[in-house]
Protein backbone atom coordinates (compact mmCIF):
# COMPACT_ATOMS: atom_id res chain seq x y z
CA MET A 1 11.08 -21.86 -18.54
CA ALA A 2 9.26 -18.62 -19.33
CA GLY A 3 9.67 -15.38 -21.24
CA ILE A 4 9.25 -11.68 -20.53
CA TYR A 5 8.01 -9.31 -23.22
CA ILE A 6 8.39 -5.56 -22.59
CA HIS A 7 6.41 -3.18 -24.78
CA ILE A 8 8.03 0.17 -25.55
CA PRO A 9 5.18 2.24 -27.06
CA PHE A 10 7.07 4.96 -28.93
CA CYS A 11 7.83 5.54 -32.62
CA LYS A 12 9.34 8.39 -34.62
CA LYS A 13 6.65 8.09 -37.29
CA ALA A 14 3.41 6.20 -37.83
CA CYS A 15 3.83 3.53 -40.51
CA ASN A 16 0.75 3.51 -42.70
CA TYR A 17 -0.08 -0.18 -42.06
CA CYS A 18 0.58 -0.44 -38.31
CA ASN A 19 -2.15 -0.97 -35.73
CA PHE A 20 0.12 -1.74 -32.77
CA HIS A 21 -0.12 0.53 -29.74
CA PHE A 22 2.39 3.40 -29.93
CA SER A 23 2.78 7.15 -29.63
CA THR A 24 4.92 9.50 -31.70
CA SER A 25 5.33 11.77 -28.67
CA LEU A 26 8.18 10.99 -26.30
CA ALA A 27 6.94 13.42 -23.65
CA SER A 28 5.99 10.64 -21.23
CA LYS A 29 9.03 8.45 -21.86
CA ASP A 30 10.68 8.88 -18.45
CA GLN A 31 7.43 8.21 -16.58
CA LEU A 32 6.69 5.24 -18.79
CA ILE A 33 10.08 3.70 -18.04
CA GLU A 34 9.47 4.13 -14.31
CA ALA A 35 6.03 2.53 -14.66
CA ILE A 36 7.50 -0.44 -16.54
CA LYS A 37 10.07 -0.97 -13.80
CA GLU A 38 7.33 -0.73 -11.18
CA GLU A 39 5.12 -3.20 -13.05
CA LEU A 40 8.02 -5.63 -13.17
CA ARG A 41 8.07 -5.47 -9.37
CA MET A 42 4.30 -5.79 -9.07
CA GLN A 43 4.10 -8.77 -11.43
CA ALA A 44 7.02 -10.65 -9.88
CA LYS A 45 4.82 -13.59 -8.81
CA TYR A 46 3.10 -14.04 -12.17
CA LEU A 47 5.64 -16.53 -13.49
CA GLN A 48 5.72 -18.32 -10.13
CA GLU A 49 8.87 -20.42 -9.94
CA HIS A 50 9.58 -20.39 -13.68
CA SER A 51 13.08 -19.37 -14.67
CA VAL A 52 13.20 -16.73 -17.40
CA ASP A 53 15.13 -17.86 -20.45
CA THR A 54 14.11 -15.11 -22.89
CA ILE A 55 13.60 -11.34 -22.72
CA TYR A 56 12.14 -9.43 -25.64
CA PHE A 57 11.94 -5.64 -25.98
CA GLY A 58 9.24 -4.97 -28.58
CA GLY A 59 7.04 -2.11 -29.60
CA GLY A 60 6.76 0.45 -30.93
CA THR A 61 10.43 1.11 -31.39
CA PRO A 62 12.52 0.04 -28.38
CA SER A 63 15.68 1.38 -30.03
CA LEU A 64 14.38 4.88 -29.27
CA LEU A 65 15.50 4.18 -25.70
CA SER A 66 19.14 4.75 -24.89
CA PRO A 67 21.27 1.75 -23.87
CA GLU A 68 21.31 3.21 -20.35
CA GLU A 69 17.50 3.29 -20.25
CA LEU A 70 17.32 -0.28 -21.54
CA LEU A 71 19.79 -1.36 -18.86
CA SER A 72 17.76 0.33 -16.13
CA ILE A 73 14.74 -1.78 -17.13
CA PHE A 74 16.89 -4.90 -17.31
CA ALA A 75 18.12 -4.21 -13.78
CA SER A 76 14.52 -4.55 -12.56
CA VAL A 77 14.13 -7.85 -14.42
CA GLU A 78 17.36 -9.04 -12.85
CA ARG A 79 16.19 -7.93 -9.41
CA TYR A 80 12.77 -9.59 -9.36
CA TYR A 81 13.11 -12.64 -11.65
CA THR A 82 15.32 -15.70 -11.95
CA ILE A 83 17.40 -15.17 -15.09
CA ASP A 84 20.44 -17.37 -14.46
CA LYS A 85 19.40 -19.50 -17.47
CA LEU A 86 18.81 -16.57 -19.82
CA LYS A 87 19.47 -17.69 -23.40
CA GLU A 88 18.10 -14.94 -25.60
CA PHE A 89 17.70 -11.19 -25.08
CA THR A 90 16.19 -9.52 -28.13
CA LEU A 91 15.91 -5.85 -28.97
CA GLU A 92 13.65 -4.73 -31.80
CA ALA A 93 15.35 -1.84 -33.59
CA ASN A 94 14.89 0.42 -36.57
CA PRO A 95 17.85 0.81 -38.96
CA ASP A 96 18.00 4.58 -38.51
CA ASP A 97 18.68 4.15 -34.77
CA LEU A 98 21.58 1.74 -35.24
CA ASP A 99 24.50 4.08 -35.71
CA THR A 100 28.04 3.24 -34.64
CA ALA A 101 27.78 4.80 -31.18
CA TYR A 102 24.49 3.10 -30.37
CA LEU A 103 25.69 -0.34 -31.50
CA THR A 104 28.97 0.09 -29.63
CA ALA A 105 27.00 0.80 -26.45
CA LEU A 106 24.65 -2.15 -27.05
CA CYS A 107 27.67 -4.46 -27.16
CA LYS A 108 28.22 -3.67 -23.47
CA THR A 109 24.70 -4.81 -22.50
CA PRO A 110 23.34 -8.37 -22.13
CA ILE A 111 21.35 -7.93 -25.38
CA ASN A 112 22.49 -10.73 -27.71
CA ARG A 113 19.92 -10.61 -30.52
CA LEU A 114 18.66 -7.84 -32.79
CA SER A 115 15.36 -7.86 -34.67
CA ILE A 116 15.68 -5.10 -37.25
CA GLY A 117 12.65 -3.60 -38.97
CA VAL A 118 13.98 -3.46 -42.51
CA GLN A 119 10.62 -4.16 -44.26
CA SER A 120 12.00 -3.55 -47.76
CA PHE A 121 15.21 -3.00 -49.73
CA LYS A 122 13.33 -0.71 -52.13
CA GLU A 123 13.23 3.03 -51.44
CA ALA A 124 9.79 3.47 -52.98
CA ASP A 125 8.34 0.82 -50.66
CA LEU A 126 9.82 2.52 -47.60
CA LEU A 127 8.33 5.85 -48.67
CA PHE A 128 4.97 4.20 -49.32
CA MET A 129 4.98 2.64 -45.83
CA ASN A 130 6.07 5.96 -44.24
CA ARG A 131 9.11 4.31 -42.70
CA ALA A 132 11.65 6.53 -40.97
CA HIS A 133 14.72 4.95 -42.57
CA THR A 134 16.35 4.68 -45.99
CA VAL A 135 17.86 1.75 -47.88
CA GLN A 136 21.31 3.24 -47.23
CA GLN A 137 20.63 3.17 -43.47
CA VAL A 138 19.56 -0.47 -43.75
CA ASP A 139 22.87 -1.36 -45.36
CA PHE A 140 24.88 0.50 -42.73
CA ALA A 141 22.91 -0.93 -39.79
CA LEU A 142 23.25 -4.54 -40.92
CA LYS A 143 26.96 -4.30 -41.70
CA CYS A 144 27.80 -2.30 -38.58
CA ALA A 145 25.83 -4.66 -36.31
CA GLN A 146 27.72 -7.63 -37.71
CA ASP A 147 31.06 -5.79 -37.43
CA LYS A 148 30.28 -5.12 -33.76
CA GLY A 149 29.78 -8.84 -33.13
CA PHE A 150 26.01 -9.29 -33.38
CA SER A 151 25.65 -12.58 -35.24
CA ASP A 152 22.10 -13.40 -34.08
CA ILE A 153 20.20 -10.97 -36.27
CA SER A 154 16.68 -11.15 -37.64
CA ILE A 155 15.03 -8.78 -40.08
CA ASP A 156 11.39 -8.18 -41.06
CA LEU A 157 10.30 -8.08 -44.68
CA ILE A 158 6.88 -7.18 -46.08
CA TYR A 159 5.45 -8.48 -49.35
CA GLY A 160 2.17 -7.85 -51.13
CA THR A 161 2.71 -4.09 -51.33
CA PRO A 162 1.23 -2.25 -54.33
CA HIS A 163 3.43 -2.40 -57.44
CA LEU A 164 5.81 -5.02 -55.92
CA SER A 165 6.49 -7.48 -58.73
CA LEU A 166 7.55 -11.08 -58.25
CA ASP A 167 10.96 -10.24 -59.74
CA GLU A 168 11.42 -7.39 -57.26
CA TRP A 169 10.38 -9.66 -54.39
CA GLU A 170 13.03 -12.15 -55.47
CA GLN A 171 15.58 -9.33 -55.55
CA HIS A 172 14.67 -8.38 -51.97
CA LEU A 173 15.19 -11.96 -50.81
CA ASN A 174 18.50 -12.28 -52.63
CA THR A 175 19.67 -8.97 -51.20
CA MET A 176 18.87 -10.24 -47.72
CA LEU A 177 20.76 -13.46 -48.49
CA SER A 178 23.85 -11.45 -49.38
CA TYR A 179 24.06 -10.19 -45.77
CA LYS A 180 24.17 -13.78 -44.47
CA ILE A 181 21.41 -13.09 -41.96
CA PRO A 182 20.38 -16.27 -40.08
CA HIS A 183 16.72 -15.41 -39.45
CA PHE A 184 13.94 -13.39 -41.03
CA SER A 185 10.23 -12.83 -40.54
CA SER A 186 8.08 -12.08 -43.56
CA TYR A 187 4.52 -10.78 -43.56
CA ALA A 188 1.94 -9.97 -46.19
CA LEU A 189 0.85 -6.36 -46.07
CA THR A 190 -2.61 -6.31 -44.51
CA VAL A 191 -5.16 -3.54 -44.23
CA GLU A 192 -5.88 -3.05 -40.54
CA PRO A 193 -8.81 -0.91 -39.35
CA LYS A 194 -8.11 2.68 -38.31
CA THR A 195 -4.74 2.82 -40.07
CA SER A 196 -3.58 5.33 -42.64
CA LEU A 197 -3.45 2.55 -45.22
CA ALA A 198 -7.10 1.66 -44.61
CA HIS A 199 -8.07 5.33 -44.99
CA GLN A 200 -6.07 5.73 -48.21
CA ILE A 201 -7.73 2.70 -49.77
CA LYS A 202 -11.21 3.68 -48.57
CA THR A 203 -10.84 7.17 -50.07
CA ASN A 204 -9.41 5.78 -53.35
CA GLN A 205 -6.01 7.34 -52.82
CA LEU A 206 -4.60 3.83 -53.24
CA PRO A 207 -5.94 0.77 -55.04
CA ALA A 208 -7.13 -2.16 -52.95
CA LEU A 209 -4.40 -4.72 -52.28
CA ASN A 210 -4.36 -7.74 -54.56
CA PRO A 211 -4.54 -10.96 -52.47
CA ASP A 212 -3.57 -13.07 -55.49
CA ASP A 213 -0.27 -11.19 -55.81
CA ALA A 214 0.43 -11.69 -52.10
CA ALA A 215 -0.38 -15.41 -52.36
CA GLN A 216 1.94 -15.80 -55.35
CA GLN A 217 4.75 -14.02 -53.51
CA PHE A 218 4.22 -16.17 -50.41
CA LEU A 219 4.35 -19.39 -52.45
CA PHE A 220 7.53 -18.14 -54.13
CA LEU A 221 8.97 -17.26 -50.72
CA MET A 222 8.43 -20.80 -49.41
CA ASP A 223 10.20 -22.34 -52.42
CA TRP A 224 13.01 -19.79 -52.23
CA ALA A 225 13.53 -20.45 -48.51
CA LYS A 226 13.75 -24.20 -49.07
CA GLU A 227 16.26 -23.79 -51.90
CA ASN A 228 18.42 -21.58 -49.68
CA ASN A 229 18.34 -23.87 -46.64
CA PHE A 230 16.05 -21.86 -44.39
CA ASP A 231 13.73 -23.75 -42.06
CA HIS A 232 10.17 -22.55 -42.53
CA TYR A 233 9.48 -23.20 -38.88
CA GLU A 234 6.41 -20.96 -38.50
CA ILE A 235 4.20 -19.46 -41.18
CA SER A 236 5.87 -16.05 -41.04
CA ASN A 237 9.30 -17.11 -39.75
CA PHE A 238 12.34 -18.59 -41.45
CA SER A 239 15.78 -19.40 -40.10
CA LYS A 240 18.96 -21.29 -40.67
CA ALA A 241 19.41 -24.42 -38.56
CA ASN A 242 19.77 -23.63 -34.83
CA ALA A 243 18.77 -19.99 -35.35
CA HIS A 244 15.06 -20.23 -34.50
CA ALA A 245 13.84 -17.36 -32.32
CA ILE A 246 13.56 -18.94 -28.88
CA HIS A 247 11.18 -16.32 -27.47
CA ASN A 248 8.64 -16.53 -30.28
CA THR A 249 8.94 -20.31 -30.52
CA ASN A 250 7.97 -20.48 -26.87
CA TYR A 251 4.79 -18.55 -27.72
CA TRP A 252 3.83 -21.15 -30.30
CA LYS A 253 4.67 -24.02 -27.98
CA GLY A 254 2.47 -22.71 -25.17
CA ILE A 255 5.23 -21.77 -22.73
CA PRO A 256 4.17 -19.07 -20.20
CA TYR A 257 5.21 -15.48 -20.71
CA LEU A 258 4.72 -12.18 -18.94
CA GLY A 259 3.93 -9.01 -20.87
CA ILE A 260 4.96 -5.69 -19.35
CA GLY A 261 3.91 -2.24 -20.53
CA PRO A 262 0.81 -0.72 -22.12
CA SER A 263 -1.07 -3.18 -24.40
CA ALA A 264 1.26 -6.07 -23.46
CA HIS A 265 -0.24 -9.57 -23.20
CA SER A 266 0.59 -12.35 -20.72
CA TYR A 267 -0.19 -16.08 -20.75
CA SER A 268 -0.01 -18.77 -18.08
CA HIS A 269 -1.70 -21.94 -19.45
CA ASN A 270 -5.11 -21.38 -17.84
CA THR A 271 -5.34 -17.60 -18.12
CA ARG A 272 -4.54 -14.78 -20.47
CA GLN A 273 -4.35 -11.11 -19.59
CA TRP A 274 -3.63 -7.84 -21.36
CA ASN A 275 -2.80 -4.34 -20.18
CA MET A 276 -4.70 -1.22 -21.21
CA ALA A 277 -3.47 0.34 -24.45
CA ASN A 278 -3.16 3.90 -23.18
CA ASN A 279 0.14 5.38 -22.05
CA GLN A 280 -1.20 7.98 -19.61
CA GLY A 281 -3.80 5.61 -18.18
CA TYR A 282 -1.15 2.92 -17.73
CA ILE A 283 1.27 5.31 -16.02
CA LYS A 284 -1.42 6.63 -13.67
CA ALA A 285 -2.63 3.13 -12.72
CA ILE A 286 0.88 1.85 -11.99
CA LEU A 287 2.55 4.85 -10.35
CA GLN A 288 -0.39 6.50 -8.58
CA GLU A 289 -2.96 3.78 -8.00
CA GLN A 290 -0.46 0.93 -7.55
CA THR A 291 -2.53 -1.44 -9.66
CA VAL A 292 -1.84 -3.26 -12.92
CA PRO A 293 -4.48 -2.05 -15.42
CA SER A 294 -5.14 -5.42 -17.02
CA THR A 295 -8.07 -7.56 -18.14
CA ILE A 296 -7.86 -11.23 -17.19
CA GLU A 297 -9.52 -14.04 -19.13
CA GLU A 298 -9.90 -17.57 -17.75
CA LEU A 299 -9.25 -20.06 -20.53
CA SER A 300 -11.79 -22.88 -20.84
CA VAL A 301 -10.81 -26.33 -22.06
CA ALA A 302 -12.12 -25.37 -25.48
CA ASP A 303 -10.03 -22.17 -25.42
CA GLN A 304 -6.90 -24.13 -24.54
CA VAL A 305 -7.44 -26.78 -27.20
CA ASN A 306 -8.30 -24.26 -29.90
CA GLU A 307 -5.30 -22.12 -29.08
CA TYR A 308 -3.09 -25.20 -29.36
CA ILE A 309 -4.62 -26.06 -32.74
CA MET A 310 -4.15 -22.50 -34.02
CA THR A 311 -0.54 -22.11 -32.91
CA SER A 312 0.74 -25.63 -33.56
CA LEU A 313 -0.62 -25.85 -37.10
CA ARG A 314 1.40 -22.74 -37.97
CA THR A 315 4.67 -24.48 -37.10
CA MET A 316 6.95 -27.10 -38.62
CA TRP A 317 6.25 -29.30 -35.58
CA GLY A 318 2.56 -29.59 -36.41
CA CYS A 319 -0.57 -30.37 -34.42
CA ASP A 320 -0.17 -33.50 -32.29
CA LEU A 321 -3.49 -35.34 -31.99
CA ASP A 322 -2.12 -37.52 -29.19
CA LYS A 323 -1.22 -34.42 -27.18
CA ILE A 324 -4.79 -33.16 -27.49
CA LYS A 325 -6.16 -36.53 -26.39
CA ASP A 326 -3.70 -36.96 -23.51
CA SER A 327 -3.86 -33.37 -22.22
CA TRP A 328 -7.55 -32.59 -22.65
CA HIS A 329 -9.21 -36.01 -23.35
CA ILE A 330 -10.61 -34.76 -26.65
CA SER A 331 -10.44 -36.09 -30.21
CA LEU A 332 -10.72 -33.83 -33.24
CA ASP A 333 -13.38 -34.48 -35.88
CA LYS A 334 -11.97 -37.11 -38.26
CA ARG A 335 -14.34 -36.04 -41.04
CA ILE A 336 -12.85 -32.54 -41.09
CA ILE A 337 -9.31 -33.93 -41.04
CA GLU A 338 -10.13 -36.26 -43.91
CA LYS A 339 -11.60 -33.39 -45.93
CA TYR A 340 -8.38 -31.40 -45.77
CA LEU A 341 -6.26 -34.50 -46.41
CA GLN A 342 -8.21 -35.12 -49.62
CA GLN A 343 -7.83 -31.47 -50.62
CA GLN A 344 -4.07 -31.80 -49.96
CA LEU A 345 -4.15 -28.78 -47.65
CA ILE A 346 -2.82 -30.85 -44.76
CA ASN A 347 -0.87 -34.06 -44.49
CA GLN A 348 -0.61 -36.47 -41.59
CA GLN A 349 2.42 -38.31 -40.26
CA GLU A 350 1.37 -40.82 -37.64
CA GLN A 351 -0.68 -38.70 -35.20
CA THR A 352 0.57 -35.25 -36.25
CA LEU A 353 -1.08 -32.88 -38.73
CA PHE A 354 0.94 -30.50 -40.88
CA LEU A 355 -0.13 -27.79 -43.31
CA THR A 356 1.02 -28.24 -46.89
CA GLN A 357 2.37 -25.25 -48.80
CA GLN A 358 -1.07 -24.63 -50.29
CA GLY A 359 -2.60 -25.20 -46.86
CA LYS A 360 -0.52 -22.39 -45.40
CA LEU A 361 -2.49 -19.98 -47.56
CA PHE A 362 -5.59 -20.98 -45.58
CA ALA A 363 -4.06 -21.62 -42.15
CA ASP A 364 -6.53 -19.61 -40.08
CA ALA A 365 -9.58 -21.04 -41.85
CA ILE A 366 -8.34 -24.62 -41.49
CA ALA A 367 -7.58 -24.14 -37.81
CA ALA A 368 -11.00 -22.57 -37.21
CA ASP A 369 -12.69 -25.52 -38.93
CA LEU A 370 -10.88 -27.89 -36.56
CA PHE A 371 -11.80 -25.89 -33.44
CA ILE A 372 -13.90 -27.61 -30.82
CA ALA A 373 -16.88 -26.09 -28.99
CA LEU A 374 -17.72 -27.04 -25.42
């Protein structure tokens, strides 16, 4: 099995925290769509004989494309790839795009899952983030999507924003619960370089973010999710039973995927590659030069092991020491494992390591400490 990710690099507005590749100009949209369809043809051998079981339109804001434009891209996937076992077809969407007409049209496409960028149920937070939608549009989009038959819905929520209290964070979570949404992703607000948020903090227009507040809200989130029967199946992802995101889970389990579009990444066990993050350069390379403008990295044994450590530790399935030994003939440093066991940041069940709740606050540092060097 394998997945296809398609990056749609357009947004109405620039959110103050976002460092993903996007443009607020739609002038090159038609050419970009043609280039994406052409890259799908050019990359047809990348997944070899793997059948595609997931498709994910991400961005950017894919819901800026019309259903007809989305279908035209899907037609190229259908033409060049084996999709007879397709299980999940996700569209990332902003609430302000999901009006009745748009959702009615989406019902006639193969898209069966929506990932909606809610971010907050508080108007002040949305204004602070420079989001394009309102709380009222969130309410309409969620209810209308469900009325139209979309039951597999995920939303994004951000915590750790300035002035967000623990009580308000609980209210956000309870509001989400009232919609009976089966899946959500939740991220701490982070200050990424070259973003508006970074500039505002650097120039003292905003106070620096408080990591202690974010940590407290994350710990509360984990307890809240458990009490409300959500699986915390990856550090930032929560779902009801049998509602895990298949596409993203495949990322964390090391299943190959092909990334299409500017800035998109691909992975095939021994290699990783990524496309240039420039719309005009991407279009020119694909349509005029007939070449995929990507950088390819060969993954060493150490790269493969370390990636497995990083991704597996983030999940409810944990890091399997036997898998590392059987697949790569390597054993992790027992002294480091013992250190984190004593600190109660990880626990061990047979030959599998799991992060504790406190350990999840330090996931990247723990993984890096376990990395091997060859």
